[in-house]
Amino acid sequence: MKHLCFALSLVLLLSSCQKDLASKDEVITAVVASDANSPLKSHSLTFTSNYAVNPGEVPPFSFTKIQYPDARVKSIRMLSRKNPIYPGFAKEAVELIGNFTYAAKTKVEGPWNSVHLAYLKGTKEVWEYYKLPNGAGARRSVSKTNVDLKFYLNAAGYCLQVTALNGEESYPYSKEYALVNLYYLDKEPVGYPYMASLLVRDGQREAFRSYDAVLDASSDVLTFTPILNRKLSTVTISYDYNIPRGSKNYSFIPTQNLLSQEYSLLEVMQWLPQPTHQRKTGAGTFYLPNGTKIVQGQVYQNYKFDANGNQTSLTYGDNVLQKTTWHVQP
């Protein structure tokens, strides 16, 4: 659900709108690069939750990553909820399964001069969960689409842009639009991060900001607010300013997963900047069809770290354990 570009809320978890759009990006045959300066090493490898898997209900968020020998991510499986867990919303989750390849540092047109490139090919499947007459849980596939994404990353390993090479992406704004590019403009070049989407409508490209970010004095994101559609989820995050991040590495269930699946994926891959202070709470605000405002949130507490400063677990306010495993360098 972290930084941008949720929205970059990722992993995208939203309704599909398809267009036969030809991407203008040059398609590069990607291999596992031997570039020793590549910043795309894997960090956290799995995220699991002690929440029970109840029959007919959406399972808790999880991800599993498998590595290449050089420790970069080879494949990923991520399961995220698609809708708020609330009466009246479909009990649906999005399962992202795919394989990553990489290209060495590459010169590109645009403001970045040269970037590292990563590619993801796979599928994004929406599952609906329900109960059988005997009370057992079951699920059925609602939709399945191909994922073909190209990531532009800077020298720090942060994602600057995501391009859908197949010309189709999920976006919950209008069927007239098809999301083509998703940008994360990082703090250093612009000083004010937000999500900007490059859209295609009737063959014409037009850029607009879909979510604005409000930052605190430490440049930690406090809110992501939808600009064009107030019924989309607004994300609010708070921090414990008595606990600076230092050299610790956090692993959070995406707070922004109602914003976009790609953004959730960026969080999971740790291709977005980490907060400068420890997170205390995260919440999403959404609206029912009758206009009723609903807020769902979590309290983060009891952080545990390994000897390398990697967060291995935390508990939510209801004392449910969330666990992360990490790659250990030989």
C-alpha atoms as a PDB file:
ATOM      1  CA  MET A   1       0.000   0.000   0.000  1.00  0.00           C
ATOM      2  CA  LYS A   2       4.793   2.986   1.031  1.00  0.00           C
ATOM      3  CA  HIS A   3       5.599   4.988  -1.226  1.00  0.00           C
ATOM      4  CA  LEU A   4       4.589   5.715  -4.247  1.00  0.00           C
ATOM      5  CA  CYS A   5       4.468   4.741  -6.979  1.00  0.00           C
ATOM      6  CA  PHE A   6       0.944   2.668  -4.466  1.00  0.00           C
ATOM      7  CA  ALA A   7       0.637   4.039  -5.350  1.00  0.00           C
ATOM      8  CA  LEU A   8       2.986   3.571  -7.170  1.00  0.00           C
ATOM      9  CA  SER A   9      -0.444   0.372  -3.567  1.00  0.00           C
ATOM     10  CA  LEU A  10       1.553  -1.174  -6.154  1.00  0.00           C
ATOM     11  CA  VAL A  11       1.190  -5.414  -7.101  1.00  0.00           C
ATOM     12  CA  LEU A  12      -2.138  -3.272  -9.936  1.00  0.00           C
ATOM     13  CA  LEU A  13      -4.969  -4.505  -7.711  1.00  0.00           C
ATOM     14  CA  LEU A  14      -7.711  -2.704  -9.610  1.00  0.00           C
ATOM     15  CA  SER A  15     -10.291  -3.144 -12.380  1.00  0.00           C
ATOM     16  CA  SER A  16      -8.874  -3.744 -15.867  1.00  0.00           C
ATOM     17  CA  CYS A  17      -9.367  -1.541 -18.875  1.00  0.00           C
ATOM     18  CA  GLN A  18      -7.867  -2.830 -22.070  1.00  0.00           C
ATOM     19  CA  LYS A  19      -6.645  -0.895 -25.088  1.00  0.00           C
ATOM     20  CA  ASP A  20      -4.860  -2.047 -28.212  1.00  0.00           C
ATOM     21  CA  LEU A  21      -2.015   0.378 -27.676  1.00  0.00           C
ATOM     22  CA  ALA A  22       1.391  -0.052 -29.235  1.00  0.00           C
ATOM     23  CA  SER A  23       4.168   0.780 -26.808  1.00  0.00           C
ATOM     24  CA  LYS A  24       6.781   3.183 -28.123  1.00  0.00           C
ATOM     25  CA  ASP A  25       9.440   1.669 -25.885  1.00  0.00           C
ATOM     26  CA  GLU A  26      12.215  -0.203 -27.564  1.00  0.00           C
ATOM     27  CA  VAL A  27      11.898  -3.845 -26.646  1.00  0.00           C
ATOM     28  CA  ILE A  28      15.247  -5.092 -25.387  1.00  0.00           C
ATOM     29  CA  THR A  29      16.051  -8.766 -25.026  1.00  0.00           C
ATOM     30  CA  ALA A  30      16.866  -8.914 -21.347  1.00  0.00           C
ATOM     31  CA  VAL A  31      19.208 -11.344 -19.695  1.00  0.00           C
ATOM     32  CA  VAL A  32      20.658 -11.602 -16.232  1.00  0.00           C
ATOM     33  CA  ALA A  33      23.209  -8.819 -16.430  1.00  0.00           C
ATOM     34  CA  SER A  34      26.766  -9.178 -15.204  1.00  0.00           C
ATOM     35  CA  ASP A  35      27.003  -5.481 -14.315  1.00  0.00           C
ATOM     36  CA  ALA A  36      28.761  -5.532 -10.942  1.00  0.00           C
ATOM     37  CA  ASN A  37      27.395  -2.096 -10.101  1.00  0.00           C
ATOM     38  CA  SER A  38      23.789  -3.136 -10.513  1.00  0.00           C
ATOM     39  CA  PRO A  39      21.745  -2.108  -7.448  1.00  0.00           C
ATOM     40  CA  LEU A  40      19.057  -4.709  -7.966  1.00  0.00           C
ATOM     41  CA  LYS A  41      20.030  -7.156  -5.258  1.00  0.00           C
ATOM     42  CA  SER A  42      17.256  -8.980  -3.436  1.00  0.00           C
ATOM     43  CA  HIS A  43      16.605  -8.164   0.200  1.00  0.00           C
ATOM     44  CA  SER A  44      13.512  -9.582   1.890  1.00  0.00           C
ATOM     45  CA  LEU A  45      12.536 -12.962   0.420  1.00  0.00           C
ATOM     46  CA  THR A  46       9.225 -13.866   2.043  1.00  0.00           C
ATOM     47  CA  PHE A  47       6.445 -12.178   3.946  1.00  0.00           C
ATOM     48  CA  THR A  48       3.948 -14.273   5.883  1.00  0.00           C
ATOM     49  CA  SER A  49       1.247 -13.527   8.395  1.00  0.00           C
ATOM     50  CA  ASN A  50      -0.157 -15.397  11.361  1.00  0.00           C
ATOM     51  CA  TYR A  51      -3.672 -14.350  10.416  1.00  0.00           C
ATOM     52  CA  ALA A  52      -5.761 -17.469   9.943  1.00  0.00           C
ATOM     53  CA  VAL A  53      -6.800 -18.548   6.453  1.00  0.00           C
ATOM     54  CA  ASN A  54     -10.562 -18.763   6.945  1.00  0.00           C
ATOM     55  CA  PRO A  55     -12.807 -20.746   4.563  1.00  0.00           C
ATOM     56  CA  GLY A  56     -14.269 -18.514   1.879  1.00  0.00           C
ATOM     57  CA  GLU A  57     -12.378 -15.408   3.026  1.00  0.00           C
ATOM     58  CA  VAL A  58      -9.530 -13.512   1.356  1.00  0.00           C
ATOM     59  CA  PRO A  59      -6.197 -14.865   2.658  1.00  0.00           C
ATOM     60  CA  PRO A  60      -3.708 -12.516   4.312  1.00  0.00           C
ATOM     61  CA  PHE A  61      -1.120 -10.704   2.225  1.00  0.00           C
ATOM     62  CA  SER A  62       2.018 -12.695   1.361  1.00  0.00           C
ATOM     63  CA  PHE A  63       4.906 -12.788  -1.052  1.00  0.00           C
ATOM     64  CA  THR A  64       7.660 -15.248  -1.945  1.00  0.00           C
ATOM     65  CA  LYS A  65      10.736 -14.465  -4.046  1.00  0.00           C
ATOM     66  CA  ILE A  66      13.307 -16.816  -5.574  1.00  0.00           C
ATOM     67  CA  GLN A  67      16.795 -15.568  -6.453  1.00  0.00           C
ATOM     68  CA  TYR A  68      19.356 -15.878  -9.210  1.00  0.00           C
ATOM     69  CA  PRO A  69      22.866 -16.929  -8.067  1.00  0.00           C
ATOM     70  CA  ASP A  70      23.886 -13.253  -7.885  1.00  0.00           C
ATOM     71  CA  ALA A  71      21.042 -12.647  -5.364  1.00  0.00           C
ATOM     72  CA  ARG A  72      18.770 -10.604  -7.590  1.00  0.00           C
ATOM     73  CA  VAL A  73      15.138 -11.664  -7.760  1.00  0.00           C
ATOM     74  CA  LYS A  74      14.374 -14.326 -10.363  1.00  0.00           C
ATOM     75  CA  SER A  75      10.689 -14.937  -9.681  1.00  0.00           C
ATOM     76  CA  ILE A  76       7.928 -13.644  -7.461  1.00  0.00           C
ATOM     77  CA  ARG A  77       4.529 -14.749  -6.250  1.00  0.00           C
ATOM     78  CA  MET A  78       2.509 -12.103  -4.436  1.00  0.00           C
ATOM     79  CA  LEU A  79      -1.043 -12.301  -3.139  1.00  0.00           C
ATOM     80  CA  SER A  80      -2.837  -9.067  -2.192  1.00  0.00           C
ATOM     81  CA  ARG A  81      -6.436  -8.165  -1.535  1.00  0.00           C
ATOM     82  CA  LYS A  82      -8.170  -6.353  -4.364  1.00  0.00           C
ATOM     83  CA  ASN A  83     -10.931  -4.619  -2.412  1.00  0.00           C
ATOM     84  CA  PRO A  84     -11.457  -3.380   1.136  1.00  0.00           C
ATOM     85  CA  ILE A  85     -12.440  -6.162   3.510  1.00  0.00           C
ATOM     86  CA  TYR A  86     -15.898  -4.776   4.167  1.00  0.00           C
ATOM     87  CA  PRO A  87     -19.502  -5.885   3.540  1.00  0.00           C
ATOM     88  CA  GLY A  88     -20.616  -5.049   0.030  1.00  0.00           C
ATOM     89  CA  PHE A  89     -17.163  -5.414  -1.526  1.00  0.00           C
ATOM     90  CA  ALA A  90     -16.300  -8.563  -3.452  1.00  0.00           C
ATOM     91  CA  LYS A  91     -14.052 -11.014  -1.600  1.00  0.00           C
ATOM     92  CA  GLU A  92     -11.277 -10.846  -4.148  1.00  0.00           C
ATOM     93  CA  ALA A  93      -7.502 -11.060  -4.158  1.00  0.00           C
ATOM     94  CA  VAL A  94      -4.939 -10.485  -6.896  1.00  0.00           C
ATOM     95  CA  GLU A  95      -2.205 -13.067  -7.433  1.00  0.00           C
ATOM     96  CA  LEU A  96       0.863 -11.827  -9.287  1.00  0.00           C
ATOM     97  CA  ILE A  97       3.242 -14.515 -10.610  1.00  0.00           C
ATOM     98  CA  GLY A  98       6.198 -13.654 -12.813  1.00  0.00           C
ATOM     99  CA  ASN A  99       9.869 -13.881 -13.707  1.00  0.00           C
ATOM    100  CA  PHE A 100      12.413 -11.055 -13.708  1.00  0.00           C
ATOM    101  CA  THR A 101      15.263 -10.463 -16.145  1.00  0.00           C
ATOM    102  CA  TYR A 102      17.721  -7.564 -16.163  1.00  0.00           C
ATOM    103  CA  ALA A 103      19.782  -5.426 -18.493  1.00  0.00           C
ATOM    104  CA  ALA A 104      23.037  -3.722 -17.615  1.00  0.00           C
ATOM    105  CA  LYS A 105      23.213   0.025 -17.088  1.00  0.00           C
ATOM    106  CA  THR A 106      21.698   1.589 -20.184  1.00  0.00           C
ATOM    107  CA  LYS A 107      21.541   5.076 -21.687  1.00  0.00           C
ATOM    108  CA  VAL A 108      17.963   6.187 -22.277  1.00  0.00           C
ATOM    109  CA  GLU A 109      16.176   9.258 -23.529  1.00  0.00           C
ATOM    110  CA  GLY A 110      14.687  11.449 -20.845  1.00  0.00           C
ATOM    111  CA  PRO A 111      15.872  13.166 -17.683  1.00  0.00           C
ATOM    112  CA  TRP A 112      17.925  10.293 -16.231  1.00  0.00           C
ATOM    113  CA  ASN A 113      20.736   9.848 -18.780  1.00  0.00           C
ATOM    114  CA  SER A 114      21.388   6.239 -17.792  1.00  0.00           C
ATOM    115  CA  VAL A 115      19.410   3.738 -15.752  1.00  0.00           C
ATOM    116  CA  HIS A 116      19.329   0.085 -14.800  1.00  0.00           C
ATOM    117  CA  LEU A 117      16.521  -1.864 -16.426  1.00  0.00           C
ATOM    118  CA  ALA A 118      14.465  -4.727 -15.018  1.00  0.00           C
ATOM    119  CA  TYR A 119      11.729  -6.664 -16.783  1.00  0.00           C
ATOM    120  CA  LEU A 120       8.851  -8.705 -15.392  1.00  0.00           C
ATOM    121  CA  LYS A 121       6.812 -11.148 -17.458  1.00  0.00           C
ATOM    122  CA  GLY A 122       4.003 -13.136 -15.898  1.00  0.00           C
ATOM    123  CA  THR A 123       0.322 -13.087 -15.071  1.00  0.00           C
ATOM    124  CA  LYS A 124      -2.015 -11.210 -12.801  1.00  0.00           C
ATOM    125  CA  GLU A 125      -5.067 -13.246 -11.764  1.00  0.00           C
ATOM    126  CA  VAL A 126      -8.059 -12.055  -9.772  1.00  0.00           C
ATOM    127  CA  TRP A 127      -9.558 -14.707  -7.486  1.00  0.00           C
ATOM    128  CA  GLU A 128     -12.946 -14.559  -5.795  1.00  0.00           C
ATOM    129  CA  TYR A 129     -13.290 -16.461  -2.499  1.00  0.00           C
ATOM    130  CA  TYR A 130     -16.531 -18.099  -1.367  1.00  0.00           C
ATOM    131  CA  LYS A 131     -17.947 -20.933   0.718  1.00  0.00           C
ATOM    132  CA  LEU A 132     -19.335 -24.196  -0.570  1.00  0.00           C
ATOM    133  CA  PRO A 133     -22.649 -25.526   0.805  1.00  0.00           C
ATOM    134  CA  ASN A 134     -20.727 -27.795   3.171  1.00  0.00           C
ATOM    135  CA  GLY A 135     -18.872 -24.794   4.628  1.00  0.00           C
ATOM    136  CA  ALA A 136     -15.545 -25.510   2.923  1.00  0.00           C
ATOM    137  CA  GLY A 137     -13.687 -22.647   1.311  1.00  0.00           C
ATOM    138  CA  ALA A 138     -13.183 -22.326  -2.416  1.00  0.00           C
ATOM    139  CA  ARG A 139     -12.083 -19.779  -4.980  1.00  0.00           C
ATOM    140  CA  ARG A 140     -12.754 -19.145  -8.651  1.00  0.00           C
ATOM    141  CA  SER A 141     -10.813 -17.154 -11.210  1.00  0.00           C
ATOM    142  CA  VAL A 142     -12.494 -13.882 -12.168  1.00  0.00           C
ATOM    143  CA  SER A 143      -9.920 -12.694 -14.677  1.00  0.00           C
ATOM    144  CA  LYS A 144      -6.370 -13.377 -15.770  1.00  0.00           C
ATOM    145  CA  THR A 145      -4.190 -10.938 -17.700  1.00  0.00           C
ATOM    146  CA  ASN A 146      -0.606 -10.977 -18.901  1.00  0.00           C
ATOM    147  CA  VAL A 147       1.957  -8.792 -17.150  1.00  0.00           C
ATOM    148  CA  ASP A 148       4.818  -7.371 -19.228  1.00  0.00           C
ATOM    149  CA  LEU A 149       6.534  -4.569 -17.310  1.00  0.00           C
ATOM    150  CA  LYS A 150       9.732  -2.603 -17.751  1.00  0.00           C
ATOM    151  CA  PHE A 151      11.274  -0.853 -14.719  1.00  0.00           C
ATOM    152  CA  TYR A 152      13.714   2.042 -14.865  1.00  0.00           C
ATOM    153  CA  LEU A 153      15.892   2.258 -11.738  1.00  0.00           C
ATOM    154  CA  ASN A 154      18.445   4.844 -10.684  1.00  0.00           C
ATOM    155  CA  ALA A 155      21.886   4.217  -9.204  1.00  0.00           C
ATOM    156  CA  ALA A 156      20.401   3.941  -5.711  1.00  0.00           C
ATOM    157  CA  GLY A 157      18.099   1.141  -6.886  1.00  0.00           C
ATOM    158  CA  TYR A 158      14.892   3.240  -6.722  1.00  0.00           C
ATOM    159  CA  CYS A 159      12.292   2.954  -9.438  1.00  0.00           C
ATOM    160  CA  LEU A 160      11.832   6.033 -11.618  1.00  0.00           C
ATOM    161  CA  GLN A 161       9.323   4.675 -14.091  1.00  0.00           C
ATOM    162  CA  VAL A 162       7.270   1.591 -14.865  1.00  0.00           C
ATOM    163  CA  THR A 163       6.150   0.944 -18.437  1.00  0.00           C
ATOM    164  CA  ALA A 164       3.596  -1.666 -19.473  1.00  0.00           C
ATOM    165  CA  LEU A 165       5.081  -3.098 -22.654  1.00  0.00           C
ATOM    166  CA  ASN A 166       1.880  -4.892 -23.599  1.00  0.00           C
ATOM    167  CA  GLY A 167      -0.066  -1.602 -23.644  1.00  0.00           C
ATOM    168  CA  GLU A 168      -2.589  -2.750 -21.042  1.00  0.00           C
ATOM    169  CA  GLU A 169      -2.764  -2.076 -17.357  1.00  0.00           C
ATOM    170  CA  SER A 170      -5.358  -1.973 -14.649  1.00  0.00           C
ATOM    171  CA  TYR A 171      -6.584   1.419 -13.540  1.00  0.00           C
ATOM    172  CA  PRO A 172      -9.809   2.245 -11.699  1.00  0.00           C
ATOM    173  CA  TYR A 173     -10.558   5.657 -13.195  1.00  0.00           C
ATOM    174  CA  SER A 174     -12.368   5.225 -16.498  1.00  0.00           C
ATOM    175  CA  LYS A 175     -12.682   2.655 -19.246  1.00  0.00           C
ATOM    176  CA  GLU A 176     -11.681   5.391 -21.668  1.00  0.00           C
ATOM    177  CA  TYR A 177      -8.175   5.333 -20.202  1.00  0.00           C
ATOM    178  CA  ALA A 178      -5.397   2.787 -20.310  1.00  0.00           C
ATOM    179  CA  LEU A 179      -2.449   3.193 -18.008  1.00  0.00           C
ATOM    180  CA  VAL A 180       0.777   3.112 -19.957  1.00  0.00           C
ATOM    181  CA  ASN A 181       3.430   4.580 -17.683  1.00  0.00           C
ATOM    182  CA  LEU A 182       3.681   4.996 -13.952  1.00  0.00           C
ATOM    183  CA  TYR A 183       6.333   7.316 -12.619  1.00  0.00           C
ATOM    184  CA  TYR A 184       7.970   7.570  -9.255  1.00  0.00           C
ATOM    185  CA  LEU A 185       9.630  10.977  -9.143  1.00  0.00           C
ATOM    186  CA  ASP A 186      12.011  10.573  -6.287  1.00  0.00           C
ATOM    187  CA  LYS A 187      12.738  13.131  -3.602  1.00  0.00           C
ATOM    188  CA  GLU A 188      16.112  14.319  -4.788  1.00  0.00           C
ATOM    189  CA  PRO A 189      15.337  15.618  -8.280  1.00  0.00           C
ATOM    190  CA  VAL A 190      11.909  17.054  -7.546  1.00  0.00           C
ATOM    191  CA  GLY A 191      11.770  17.542  -3.784  1.00  0.00           C
ATOM    192  CA  TYR A 192       8.092  16.619  -3.686  1.00  0.00           C
ATOM    193  CA  PRO A 193       7.114  13.080  -4.599  1.00  0.00           C
ATOM    194  CA  TYR A 194       3.801  12.211  -6.164  1.00  0.00           C
ATOM    195  CA  MET A 195       2.426   9.639  -8.503  1.00  0.00           C
ATOM    196  CA  ALA A 196       1.997  10.785 -12.038  1.00  0.00           C
ATOM    197  CA  SER A 197       0.361   8.700 -14.719  1.00  0.00           C
ATOM    198  CA  LEU A 198       0.871   9.001 -18.444  1.00  0.00           C
ATOM    199  CA  LEU A 199      -2.433   7.981 -19.984  1.00  0.00           C
ATOM    200  CA  VAL A 200      -3.704   7.384 -23.486  1.00  0.00           C
ATOM    201  CA  ARG A 201      -7.211   8.488 -24.428  1.00  0.00           C
ATOM    202  CA  ASP A 202      -8.466   8.356 -28.008  1.00  0.00           C
ATOM    203  CA  GLY A 203      -4.915   7.908 -29.193  1.00  0.00           C
ATOM    204  CA  GLN A 204      -3.644  11.047 -27.469  1.00  0.00           C
ATOM    205  CA  ARG A 205      -1.180  10.988 -24.586  1.00  0.00           C
ATOM    206  CA  GLU A 206      -1.864  13.230 -21.638  1.00  0.00           C
ATOM    207  CA  ALA A 207      -0.086  13.341 -18.299  1.00  0.00           C
ATOM    208  CA  PHE A 208      -1.701  14.176 -14.992  1.00  0.00           C
ATOM    209  CA  ARG A 209      -1.073  13.619 -11.315  1.00  0.00           C
ATOM    210  CA  SER A 210      -3.373  10.965  -9.940  1.00  0.00           C
ATOM    211  CA  TYR A 211      -2.186  11.081  -6.306  1.00  0.00           C
ATOM    212  CA  ASP A 212      -0.524  13.843  -4.340  1.00  0.00           C
ATOM    213  CA  ALA A 213       1.753  13.143  -1.398  1.00  0.00           C
ATOM    214  CA  VAL A 214       2.029  15.202   1.787  1.00  0.00           C
ATOM    215  CA  LEU A 215       5.397  14.934   3.514  1.00  0.00           C
ATOM    216  CA  ASP A 216       6.565  15.640   7.042  1.00  0.00           C
ATOM    217  CA  ALA A 217       9.717  17.575   7.940  1.00  0.00           C
ATOM    218  CA  SER A 218      11.779  14.380   7.537  1.00  0.00           C
ATOM    219  CA  SER A 219      10.443  13.758   3.993  1.00  0.00           C
ATOM    220  CA  ASP A 220       8.413  10.769   5.199  1.00  0.00           C
ATOM    221  CA  VAL A 221       5.101  10.393   3.404  1.00  0.00           C
ATOM    222  CA  LEU A 222       2.116  11.211   5.613  1.00  0.00           C
ATOM    223  CA  THR A 223      -0.692  10.838   3.081  1.00  0.00           C
ATOM    224  CA  PHE A 224      -1.386   9.861  -0.499  1.00  0.00           C
ATOM    225  CA  THR A 225      -4.545  11.579  -1.671  1.00  0.00           C
ATOM    226  CA  PRO A 226      -6.397  10.868  -4.948  1.00  0.00           C
ATOM    227  CA  ILE A 227      -6.818  14.017  -7.013  1.00  0.00           C
ATOM    228  CA  LEU A 228      -9.456  13.058  -9.556  1.00  0.00           C
ATOM    229  CA  ASN A 229     -11.662  10.534  -7.785  1.00  0.00           C
ATOM    230  CA  ARG A 230     -12.341  10.891  -4.068  1.00  0.00           C
ATOM    231  CA  LYS A 231     -13.788   7.371  -3.936  1.00  0.00           C
ATOM    232  CA  LEU A 232     -10.324   5.906  -4.384  1.00  0.00           C
ATOM    233  CA  SER A 233      -8.415   4.965  -1.276  1.00  0.00           C
ATOM    234  CA  THR A 234      -6.534   7.656   0.625  1.00  0.00           C
ATOM    235  CA  VAL A 235      -3.533   6.348   2.554  1.00  0.00           C
ATOM    236  CA  THR A 236      -2.384   7.828   5.862  1.00  0.00           C
ATOM    237  CA  ILE A 237       0.850   6.849   7.643  1.00  0.00           C
ATOM    238  CA  SER A 238       2.274   7.949  10.989  1.00  0.00           C
ATOM    239  CA  TYR A 239       5.785   7.548  12.419  1.00  0.00           C
ATOM    240  CA  ASP A 240       7.546   7.313  15.751  1.00  0.00           C
ATOM    241  CA  TYR A 241       9.900  10.275  15.595  1.00  0.00           C
ATOM    242  CA  ASN A 242      11.792   8.975  18.622  1.00  0.00           C
ATOM    243  CA  ILE A 243      12.983   6.008  16.512  1.00  0.00           C
ATOM    244  CA  PRO A 244      14.999   7.010  13.439  1.00  0.00           C
ATOM    245  CA  ARG A 245      15.525   4.363  10.821  1.00  0.00           C
ATOM    246  CA  GLY A 246      19.316   4.542  10.856  1.00  0.00           C
ATOM    247  CA  SER A 247      20.655   1.555   8.897  1.00  0.00           C
ATOM    248  CA  LYS A 248      17.645  -0.680   9.538  1.00  0.00           C
ATOM    249  CA  ASN A 249      15.687  -2.244   6.678  1.00  0.00           C
ATOM    250  CA  TYR A 250      11.915  -2.436   7.035  1.00  0.00           C
ATOM    251  CA  SER A 251       9.516  -4.847   5.386  1.00  0.00           C
ATOM    252  CA  PHE A 252       5.863  -3.798   5.357  1.00  0.00           C
ATOM    253  CA  ILE A 253       2.707  -5.227   3.956  1.00  0.00           C
ATOM    254  CA  PRO A 254       1.913  -2.664   1.257  1.00  0.00           C
ATOM    255  CA  THR A 255      -0.230   0.124   2.600  1.00  0.00           C
ATOM    256  CA  GLN A 256      -0.962   1.320  -0.906  1.00  0.00           C
ATOM    257  CA  ASN A 257      -2.207  -1.889  -2.401  1.00  0.00           C
ATOM    258  CA  LEU A 258      -5.567  -0.274  -3.139  1.00  0.00           C
ATOM    259  CA  LEU A 259      -3.824   2.296  -5.300  1.00  0.00           C
ATOM    260  CA  SER A 260      -1.991   0.063  -7.723  1.00  0.00           C
ATOM    261  CA  GLN A 261      -0.585  -3.412  -8.028  1.00  0.00           C
ATOM    262  CA  GLU A 262       2.629  -2.094  -9.543  1.00  0.00           C
ATOM    263  CA  TYR A 263       3.164   0.192  -6.603  1.00  0.00           C
ATOM    264  CA  SER A 264       2.718  -2.657  -4.158  1.00  0.00           C
ATOM    265  CA  LEU A 265       5.266  -4.579  -6.187  1.00  0.00           C
ATOM    266  CA  LEU A 266       7.751  -1.705  -5.957  1.00  0.00           C
ATOM    267  CA  GLU A 267       7.381  -1.760  -2.175  1.00  0.00           C
ATOM    268  CA  VAL A 268       7.858  -5.513  -2.024  1.00  0.00           C
ATOM    269  CA  MET A 269      10.946  -5.310  -4.249  1.00  0.00           C
ATOM    270  CA  GLN A 270      12.267  -2.455  -2.083  1.00  0.00           C
ATOM    271  CA  TRP A 271      12.616  -0.275  -5.156  1.00  0.00           C
ATOM    272  CA  LEU A 272      11.197   2.702  -3.243  1.00  0.00           C
ATOM    273  CA  PRO A 273      12.986   4.756  -0.566  1.00  0.00           C
ATOM    274  CA  GLN A 274      12.587   3.575   3.010  1.00  0.00           C
ATOM    275  CA  PRO A 275      11.090   5.943   5.598  1.00  0.00           C
ATOM    276  CA  THR A 276      13.504   7.857   7.803  1.00  0.00           C
ATOM    277  CA  HIS A 277      11.584   6.930  10.963  1.00  0.00           C
ATOM    278  CA  GLN A 278       9.840   3.795  12.178  1.00  0.00           C
ATOM    279  CA  ARG A 279       6.228   3.491  11.104  1.00  0.00           C
ATOM    280  CA  LYS A 280       3.576   3.526  13.846  1.00  0.00           C
ATOM    281  CA  THR A 281       0.302   3.241  11.941  1.00  0.00           C
ATOM    282  CA  GLY A 282      -1.056   2.853   8.446  1.00  0.00           C
ATOM    283  CA  ALA A 283      -4.639   3.397   7.330  1.00  0.00           C
ATOM    284  CA  GLY A 284      -6.764   3.512   4.205  1.00  0.00           C
ATOM    285  CA  THR A 285      -9.867   5.675   3.811  1.00  0.00           C
ATOM    286  CA  PHE A 286     -12.543   4.801   1.265  1.00  0.00           C
ATOM    287  CA  TYR A 287     -16.196   5.552   0.608  1.00  0.00           C
ATOM    288  CA  LEU A 288     -19.236   3.332   0.222  1.00  0.00           C
ATOM    289  CA  PRO A 289     -21.632   3.894  -2.706  1.00  0.00           C
ATOM    290  CA  ASN A 290     -23.907   5.884  -0.374  1.00  0.00           C
ATOM    291  CA  GLY A 291     -21.018   8.209   0.493  1.00  0.00           C
ATOM    292  CA  THR A 292     -20.298   6.743   3.933  1.00  0.00           C
ATOM    293  CA  LYS A 293     -16.652   7.209   4.889  1.00  0.00           C
ATOM    294  CA  ILE A 294     -14.801   4.105   6.135  1.00  0.00           C
ATOM    295  CA  VAL A 295     -11.307   3.999   7.634  1.00  0.00           C
ATOM    296  CA  GLN A 296      -9.372   0.749   8.017  1.00  0.00           C
ATOM    297  CA  GLY A 297      -5.964   0.786   9.633  1.00  0.00           C
ATOM    298  CA  GLN A 298      -3.283  -1.032  11.575  1.00  0.00           C
ATOM    299  CA  VAL A 299      -0.936  -0.266  14.446  1.00  0.00           C
ATOM    300  CA  TYR A 300       2.662  -1.494  14.056  1.00  0.00           C
ATOM    301  CA  GLN A 301       4.471  -2.537  17.218  1.00  0.00           C
ATOM    302  CA  ASN A 302       7.097  -4.906  18.680  1.00  0.00           C
ATOM    303  CA  TYR A 303       9.532  -4.583  15.812  1.00  0.00           C
ATOM    304  CA  LYS A 304      12.246  -7.259  15.766  1.00  0.00           C
ATOM    305  CA  PHE A 305      15.487  -7.061  13.759  1.00  0.00           C
ATOM    306  CA  ASP A 306      18.308  -9.464  12.982  1.00  0.00           C
ATOM    307  CA  ALA A 307      22.010  -8.749  13.511  1.00  0.00           C
ATOM    308  CA  ASN A 308      22.165  -6.969  10.148  1.00  0.00           C
ATOM    309  CA  GLY A 309      19.322  -4.605  11.039  1.00  0.00           C
ATOM    310  CA  ASN A 310      16.725  -6.342   8.873  1.00  0.00           C
ATOM    311  CA  GLN A 311      13.197  -6.347  10.248  1.00  0.00           C
ATOM    312  CA  THR A 312      12.251  -9.964  10.874  1.00  0.00           C
ATOM    313  CA  SER A 313       8.836  -9.443  12.464  1.00  0.00           C
ATOM    314  CA  LEU A 314       6.354  -7.024  13.936  1.00  0.00           C
ATOM    315  CA  THR A 315       2.897  -7.360  15.419  1.00  0.00           C
ATOM    316  CA  TYR A 316      -0.249  -5.489  14.580  1.00  0.00           C
ATOM    317  CA  GLY A 317      -2.382  -3.810  17.207  1.00  0.00           C
ATOM    318  CA  ASP A 318      -4.424  -6.995  17.545  1.00  0.00           C
ATOM    319  CA  ASN A 319      -1.195  -8.896  18.404  1.00  0.00           C
ATOM    320  CA  VAL A 320      -1.011 -10.846  15.158  1.00  0.00           C
ATOM    321  CA  LEU A 321       2.557 -11.601  14.076  1.00  0.00           C
ATOM    322  CA  GLN A 322       3.842 -10.583  10.629  1.00  0.00           C
ATOM    323  CA  LYS A 323       7.090 -12.296   9.634  1.00  0.00           C
ATOM    324  CA  THR A 324       9.812 -11.596   7.066  1.00  0.00           C
ATOM    325  CA  THR A 325      12.768 -13.723   6.006  1.00  0.00           C
ATOM    326  CA  TRP A 326      15.857 -12.230   4.350  1.00  0.00           C
ATOM    327  CA  HIS A 327      18.652 -13.224   2.071  1.00  0.00           C
ATOM    328  CA  VAL A 328      21.863 -13.814   4.022  1.00  0.00           C
ATOM    329  CA  GLN A 329      25.024 -12.876   2.150  1.00  0.00           C
ATOM    330  CA  PRO A 330      27.559 -15.755   2.090  1.00  0.00           C
END
